[in-house]
């Protein structure tokens, strides 16, 4: 019904929208979704995420590399060591930002 948001030390709660919850019912699964992705993709995930285990990101990476038309070269996992679900510390946010820019530069050349 509620999920935590906000910055470190300043928790905030917001009510989940029903349409957000309904979107899970319409999800066709990772394999079917991966088959439709035709653009380079950067997955960003913190290793200290308490909402979604880091293992989910590694499994999604393997699934996308196996089933996406982009293959291994078109899907990258940016691992943010110690980052939480929201990358709420400046250090982790900046690390993600640098990694995204570096990967975009590589993908666009």
Protein backbone atom coordinates (compact mmCIF):
# COMPACT_ATOMS: atom_id res chain seq x y z
CA UNK A 1 0.00 0.00 0.00
CA UNK A 2 2.88 2.37 0.76
CA UNK A 3 6.49 2.42 -0.30
CA UNK A 4 9.41 4.42 1.08
CA UNK A 5 10.91 7.24 -0.93
CA UNK A 6 13.02 10.27 -0.12
CA UNK A 7 16.62 10.81 0.78
CA UNK A 8 18.77 9.08 3.33
CA UNK A 9 17.63 10.20 6.78
CA UNK A 10 14.48 11.85 5.39
CA UNK A 11 12.05 8.98 4.82
CA UNK A 12 8.82 9.70 3.05
CA UNK A 13 5.88 7.46 2.17
CA UNK A 14 3.60 7.62 -0.82
CA UNK A 15 0.56 5.56 -1.72
CA UNK A 16 0.98 3.21 -4.66
CA UNK A 17 -1.30 3.96 -7.56
CA UNK A 18 -3.65 1.09 -8.46
CA UNK A 19 -2.61 1.30 -12.12
CA UNK A 20 0.99 0.69 -11.01
CA UNK A 21 -0.07 -2.52 -9.29
CA UNK A 22 -2.22 -3.52 -12.26
CA UNK A 23 0.82 -3.17 -14.53
CA UNK A 24 2.29 -6.26 -12.86
CA UNK A 25 -0.70 -8.32 -13.96
CA UNK A 26 -0.13 -7.23 -17.57
CA UNK A 27 3.62 -8.03 -17.50
CA UNK A 28 4.35 -10.73 -20.07
CA UNK A 29 7.57 -11.83 -18.37
CA UNK A 30 11.24 -11.09 -18.91
CA UNK A 31 11.79 -13.31 -21.96
CA UNK A 32 8.89 -11.86 -23.97
CA UNK A 33 9.84 -8.34 -22.92
CA UNK A 34 13.52 -8.89 -23.84
CA UNK A 35 12.53 -10.07 -27.33
CA UNK A 36 10.92 -6.66 -27.98
CA UNK A 37 13.91 -4.54 -26.89
CA UNK A 38 15.76 -3.34 -29.94
CA UNK A 39 17.87 -0.54 -28.45
CA UNK A 40 21.05 -0.65 -26.37
CA UNK A 41 20.16 -0.96 -22.69
CA UNK A 42 22.00 -0.03 -19.50
CA UNK A 43 20.74 -1.73 -16.35
CA UNK A 44 21.72 0.18 -13.19
CA UNK A 45 21.48 -1.63 -9.85
CA UNK A 46 22.90 -1.12 -6.36
CA UNK A 47 24.32 -4.10 -4.50
CA UNK A 48 22.72 -2.95 -1.21
CA UNK A 49 19.19 -2.71 -2.65
CA UNK A 50 16.77 -3.99 -0.01
CA UNK A 51 13.74 -3.74 -2.32
CA UNK A 52 15.00 -5.69 -5.33
CA UNK A 53 17.89 -8.13 -4.77
CA UNK A 54 20.97 -7.54 -6.93
CA UNK A 55 20.58 -11.11 -8.19
CA UNK A 56 17.48 -9.96 -10.09
CA UNK A 57 19.65 -7.60 -12.13
CA UNK A 58 22.16 -10.32 -13.02
CA UNK A 59 19.34 -12.69 -14.01
CA UNK A 60 17.69 -9.97 -16.10
CA UNK A 61 21.03 -9.23 -17.78
CA UNK A 62 21.48 -12.89 -18.77
CA UNK A 63 17.89 -13.10 -20.00
CA UNK A 64 18.23 -9.95 -22.11
CA UNK A 65 21.59 -11.01 -23.52
CA UNK A 66 20.08 -14.36 -24.53
CA UNK A 67 16.76 -13.16 -25.93
CA UNK A 68 17.09 -9.52 -27.03
CA UNK A 69 17.95 -8.81 -30.67
CA UNK A 70 20.73 -6.61 -29.21
CA UNK A 71 22.52 -9.67 -27.80
CA UNK A 72 25.50 -9.49 -25.44
CA UNK A 73 26.91 -6.24 -26.85
CA UNK A 74 23.70 -4.27 -26.48
CA UNK A 75 22.97 -4.90 -22.79
CA UNK A 76 25.17 -3.74 -19.91
CA UNK A 77 24.79 -4.07 -16.14
CA UNK A 78 26.18 -1.13 -14.21
CA UNK A 79 26.87 -2.49 -10.72
CA UNK A 80 26.79 0.21 -8.03
CA UNK A 81 28.72 -1.27 -5.09
CA UNK A 82 26.89 -0.44 -1.85
CA UNK A 83 24.14 1.50 -3.62
CA UNK A 84 20.56 1.20 -2.36
CA UNK A 85 17.35 1.00 -4.40
CA UNK A 86 17.17 4.77 -4.89
CA UNK A 87 20.93 5.42 -5.19
CA UNK A 88 20.19 8.07 -2.58
CA UNK A 89 23.77 8.84 -1.55
CA UNK A 90 25.55 11.41 -3.67
CA UNK A 91 28.51 9.03 -4.06
CA UNK A 92 26.37 6.24 -5.55
CA UNK A 93 24.33 8.61 -7.72
CA UNK A 94 27.52 10.14 -9.16
CA UNK A 95 28.98 6.66 -9.76
CA UNK A 96 25.84 5.69 -11.68
CA UNK A 97 25.90 8.93 -13.63
CA UNK A 98 29.55 8.46 -14.65
CA UNK A 99 28.90 4.84 -15.63
CA UNK A 100 25.87 5.73 -17.72
CA UNK A 101 27.78 8.47 -19.57
CA UNK A 102 30.76 6.16 -20.20
CA UNK A 103 28.52 3.38 -21.51
CA UNK A 104 26.49 5.75 -23.69
CA UNK A 105 29.73 7.11 -25.18
CA UNK A 106 30.89 3.55 -25.92
CA UNK A 107 27.51 2.52 -27.37
CA UNK A 108 27.28 5.57 -29.62
CA UNK A 109 30.68 5.25 -31.28
